[in-house]
Amino acid sequence: MNYLKITLLLFLAACTLFACKKTKKTTPAKQEETKYANYIKLKAGNYWIYAEYVTDTGGVDSATGLIDSCYISKDTMIGDKTYYKYVSTAIGASFVYYLRDSLSYLVTDAGNILFSSQDFTHTFRSFYYISQQFGPQDSIALISEYMSYKDVPVLTPSGVYKTASFVREYEMHPYYSSFGKRRFYRYAYAENIGLVTETAGWYVQASRVYEKRLLRYHVE
């Protein structure tokens, strides 16, 4: 009888202790935000100055004397996202783009990808370049855009930079392919600097390649 009483008392004590014990709250582990290399440097006040060079069919490289200046003038909201107004001035003309850094991608307000520090696998866009300059609805080239040339050193007047390049490839229509079936635009970016060279080599019936190279810059 005493044995049963002792067993019952121990059981009730254990139940009371378990009921009174505080339940330990567990806090979900905080997920760390993935950090991507910054090749873009989108901040108002940042600027880049470029000198233009031309290379002829003999490989002779010479400066044209033309200067291109690019800068971030401000940030602005488009929809619910922050974009940066990027202004490029060259030969008396100005071009304006609205850009944002979306994880590892540089994206325009139209949703087009202009660069990625991570994606060297996919073709971002393919479309036909159509012009009416040489005839009605004249198809000049099929354009494809993708990343290439990762960690390639590039020489500019301001120094040597390790770069990754956004490529715009032009597969020329046979009528316009006398200087090569494939032509390329290459935009080489350096980490923590921005665009350091822009190579334009697709001019329809031209054999020269134009390139702007970083002369000086200011980024924060």
Protein backbone atom coordinates (compact mmCIF):
# COMPACT_ATOMS: atom_id res chain seq x y z
CA MET A 1 0.00 0.00 0.00
CA ASN A 2 2.78 2.41 0.95
CA TYR A 3 4.55 1.42 -2.25
CA LEU A 4 1.51 2.39 -4.33
CA LYS A 5 1.16 5.70 -2.49
CA ILE A 6 4.84 6.55 -3.05
CA THR A 7 4.59 5.66 -6.75
CA LEU A 8 1.44 7.80 -7.13
CA LEU A 9 3.06 10.75 -5.35
CA LEU A 10 6.14 10.54 -7.59
CA PHE A 11 3.97 10.42 -10.70
CA LEU A 12 1.92 13.46 -9.60
CA ALA A 13 5.11 15.37 -8.75
CA ALA A 14 6.57 14.62 -12.17
CA CYS A 15 3.39 15.79 -13.89
CA THR A 16 3.37 19.01 -11.82
CA LEU A 17 7.03 19.69 -12.62
CA PHE A 18 6.44 19.13 -16.36
CA ALA A 19 3.35 21.37 -16.36
CA CYS A 20 5.18 24.18 -14.58
CA LYS A 21 8.26 24.02 -16.76
CA LYS A 22 8.41 27.00 -19.15
CA THR A 23 8.46 26.19 -22.80
CA LYS A 24 11.62 27.53 -24.37
CA LYS A 25 10.87 29.71 -27.37
CA THR A 26 13.04 29.15 -30.41
CA THR A 27 13.85 32.10 -32.64
CA PRO A 28 14.15 31.25 -36.36
CA ALA A 29 17.71 31.63 -37.62
CA LYS A 30 18.15 34.93 -39.40
CA GLN A 31 19.01 34.43 -43.04
CA GLU A 32 21.96 36.51 -44.11
CA GLU A 33 21.46 38.61 -47.22
CA THR A 34 23.59 37.45 -50.13
CA LYS A 35 26.26 39.99 -51.01
CA TYR A 36 27.13 40.44 -54.66
CA ALA A 37 30.20 42.10 -56.15
CA ASN A 38 29.42 45.72 -57.04
CA TYR A 39 30.35 46.48 -60.64
CA ILE A 40 27.81 49.26 -61.07
CA LYS A 41 28.32 51.97 -58.38
CA LEU A 42 24.94 53.63 -58.75
CA LYS A 43 25.03 56.73 -56.57
CA ALA A 44 24.23 60.36 -57.33
CA GLY A 45 27.46 62.29 -57.91
CA ASN A 46 29.45 59.39 -59.36
CA TYR A 47 30.99 60.10 -62.76
CA TRP A 48 33.22 58.55 -65.42
CA ILE A 49 35.20 60.33 -68.19
CA TYR A 50 36.22 58.40 -71.31
CA ALA A 51 38.56 59.06 -74.23
CA GLU A 52 37.64 57.65 -77.65
CA TYR A 53 40.04 55.54 -79.74
CA VAL A 54 39.76 53.98 -83.18
CA THR A 55 41.48 50.85 -84.52
CA ASP A 56 41.76 50.37 -88.28
CA THR A 57 42.03 47.14 -90.29
CA GLY A 58 45.81 47.16 -89.89
CA GLY A 59 45.48 47.15 -86.10
CA VAL A 60 46.71 50.75 -85.79
CA ASP A 61 45.26 52.30 -82.65
CA SER A 62 44.86 56.07 -82.31
CA ALA A 63 42.96 58.60 -80.19
CA THR A 64 40.21 60.58 -81.91
CA GLY A 65 40.34 63.47 -79.43
CA LEU A 66 36.68 62.99 -78.51
CA ILE A 67 35.62 62.79 -74.86
CA ASP A 68 32.52 61.10 -73.40
CA SER A 69 31.36 61.95 -69.88
CA CYS A 70 28.86 59.87 -67.92
CA TYR A 71 27.39 60.56 -64.50
CA ILE A 72 24.60 59.69 -62.07
CA SER A 73 22.49 62.81 -61.63
CA LYS A 74 19.90 61.59 -59.10
CA ASP A 75 17.78 58.72 -57.88
CA THR A 76 14.04 58.51 -58.51
CA MET A 77 11.11 56.18 -57.89
CA ILE A 78 9.58 54.39 -60.87
CA GLY A 79 6.68 52.27 -59.71
CA ASP A 80 7.77 50.97 -56.32
CA LYS A 81 11.49 50.69 -57.15
CA THR A 82 14.41 53.11 -56.92
CA TYR A 83 16.23 53.87 -60.18
CA TYR A 84 19.25 56.06 -60.88
CA LYS A 85 19.35 58.57 -63.71
CA TYR A 86 22.46 57.81 -65.78
CA VAL A 87 23.43 60.55 -68.26
CA SER A 88 25.92 60.03 -71.09
CA THR A 89 27.14 62.98 -73.15
CA ALA A 90 29.20 62.64 -76.31
CA ILE A 91 29.69 64.77 -79.43
CA GLY A 92 27.15 67.32 -78.30
CA ALA A 93 24.38 64.78 -77.62
CA SER A 94 22.99 63.47 -74.34
CA PHE A 95 21.52 60.05 -73.64
CA VAL A 96 19.55 59.27 -70.49
CA TYR A 97 18.98 55.85 -68.92
CA TYR A 98 17.21 54.85 -65.71
CA LEU A 99 19.03 51.98 -64.03
CA ARG A 100 18.82 49.89 -60.88
CA ASP A 101 20.91 47.15 -59.31
CA SER A 102 18.69 44.06 -58.90
CA LEU A 103 20.75 41.54 -56.91
CA SER A 104 23.53 40.73 -59.41
CA TYR A 105 21.84 42.36 -62.42
CA LEU A 106 21.92 45.89 -63.85
CA VAL A 107 18.38 46.50 -65.11
CA THR A 108 16.75 49.36 -67.05
CA ASP A 109 13.30 50.77 -66.32
CA ALA A 110 12.10 48.80 -69.37
CA GLY A 111 13.27 45.58 -67.71
CA ASN A 112 16.28 44.95 -69.98
CA ILE A 113 19.42 43.45 -68.42
CA LEU A 114 22.64 45.35 -69.16
CA PHE A 115 25.05 43.39 -66.93
CA SER A 116 25.31 40.58 -64.40
CA SER A 117 28.19 39.70 -62.11
CA GLN A 118 26.88 36.11 -61.73
CA ASP A 119 24.94 34.95 -64.78
CA PHE A 120 27.35 33.82 -67.50
CA THR A 121 25.00 31.11 -68.77
CA HIS A 122 21.88 32.68 -70.22
CA THR A 123 21.20 34.84 -73.26
CA PHE A 124 19.28 37.79 -71.83
CA ARG A 125 17.64 38.92 -75.08
CA SER A 126 17.53 38.07 -78.80
CA PHE A 127 15.87 40.36 -81.34
CA TYR A 128 16.21 41.64 -84.90
CA TYR A 129 17.69 45.03 -85.71
CA ILE A 130 15.35 46.51 -88.31
CA SER A 131 16.12 49.69 -90.25
CA GLN A 132 14.37 51.62 -93.00
CA GLN A 133 17.53 53.49 -93.95
CA PHE A 134 18.43 51.04 -96.73
CA GLY A 135 14.92 49.97 -97.66
CA PRO A 136 11.49 49.28 -96.15
CA GLN A 137 11.67 47.03 -93.07
CA ASP A 138 15.23 46.02 -93.87
CA SER A 139 16.53 43.37 -91.45
CA ILE A 140 20.18 44.17 -90.79
CA ALA A 141 21.12 41.79 -87.98
CA LEU A 142 19.98 39.37 -85.29
CA ILE A 143 21.12 40.74 -81.92
CA SER A 144 21.88 38.56 -78.88
CA GLU A 145 22.88 39.88 -75.43
CA TYR A 146 24.81 37.90 -72.80
CA MET A 147 27.75 37.98 -70.37
CA SER A 148 31.29 36.87 -71.28
CA TYR A 149 35.02 37.51 -70.72
CA LYS A 150 35.03 37.11 -66.93
CA ASP A 151 38.16 38.27 -65.06
CA VAL A 152 39.85 39.59 -68.21
CA PRO A 153 42.43 42.40 -67.71
CA VAL A 154 41.70 45.57 -69.71
CA LEU A 155 44.11 48.45 -70.30
CA THR A 156 42.83 52.04 -70.17
CA PRO A 157 44.52 55.45 -69.76
CA SER A 158 43.58 55.34 -66.06
CA GLY A 159 45.05 51.88 -65.40
CA VAL A 160 44.60 48.14 -65.85
CA TYR A 161 41.37 46.59 -64.55
CA LYS A 162 40.12 43.03 -64.16
CA THR A 163 36.74 43.01 -65.89
CA ALA A 164 33.61 41.12 -66.85
CA SER A 165 31.86 42.04 -70.10
CA PHE A 166 28.29 42.42 -71.26
CA VAL A 167 28.25 41.48 -74.95
CA ARG A 168 25.81 42.54 -77.67
CA GLU A 169 26.44 40.25 -80.63
CA TYR A 170 25.25 41.18 -84.14
CA GLU A 171 24.76 38.31 -86.58
CA MET A 172 24.72 40.31 -89.80
CA HIS A 173 22.35 39.77 -92.71
CA PRO A 174 24.39 38.45 -95.70
CA TYR A 175 23.97 41.77 -97.54
CA TYR A 176 25.73 43.60 -94.67
CA SER A 177 28.37 40.99 -93.82
CA SER A 178 31.24 42.17 -96.05
CA PHE A 179 33.25 43.10 -92.93
CA GLY A 180 32.33 39.96 -91.01
CA LYS A 181 29.23 37.89 -90.33
CA ARG A 182 29.44 38.63 -86.61
CA ARG A 183 30.15 42.00 -85.00
CA PHE A 184 30.27 42.83 -81.32
CA TYR A 185 29.63 45.57 -78.81
CA ARG A 186 31.47 44.88 -75.56
CA TYR A 187 30.90 46.72 -72.29
CA ALA A 188 33.68 45.86 -69.81
CA TYR A 189 32.99 46.57 -66.12
CA ALA A 190 35.46 46.48 -63.23
CA GLU A 191 34.45 45.71 -59.66
CA ASN A 192 33.94 48.84 -57.51
CA ILE A 193 34.66 51.07 -60.54
CA GLY A 194 31.92 50.66 -63.16
CA LEU A 195 32.20 50.69 -66.97
CA VAL A 196 35.87 50.96 -68.04
CA THR A 197 35.65 50.30 -71.79
CA GLU A 198 32.94 50.24 -74.44
CA THR A 199 33.85 48.68 -77.78
CA ALA A 200 31.70 49.33 -80.85
CA GLY A 201 32.56 47.10 -83.78
CA TRP A 202 29.42 46.55 -85.80
CA TYR A 203 29.08 49.57 -88.12
CA VAL A 204 27.24 48.27 -91.16
CA GLN A 205 29.81 48.88 -93.88
CA ALA A 206 32.76 50.09 -91.78
CA SER A 207 35.97 48.24 -91.07
CA ARG A 208 37.13 50.32 -88.11
CA VAL A 209 36.47 49.56 -84.44
CA TYR A 210 35.72 52.40 -82.02
CA GLU A 211 36.32 52.15 -78.31
CA LYS A 212 35.94 54.52 -75.39
CA ARG A 213 38.38 53.96 -72.51
CA LEU A 214 38.24 55.19 -68.95
CA LEU A 215 40.29 58.36 -68.49
CA ARG A 216 39.30 59.27 -64.92
CA TYR A 217 36.40 58.72 -62.54
CA HIS A 218 34.87 59.43 -59.15
CA VAL A 219 32.78 56.83 -57.30
CA GLU A 220 31.52 56.44 -53.75
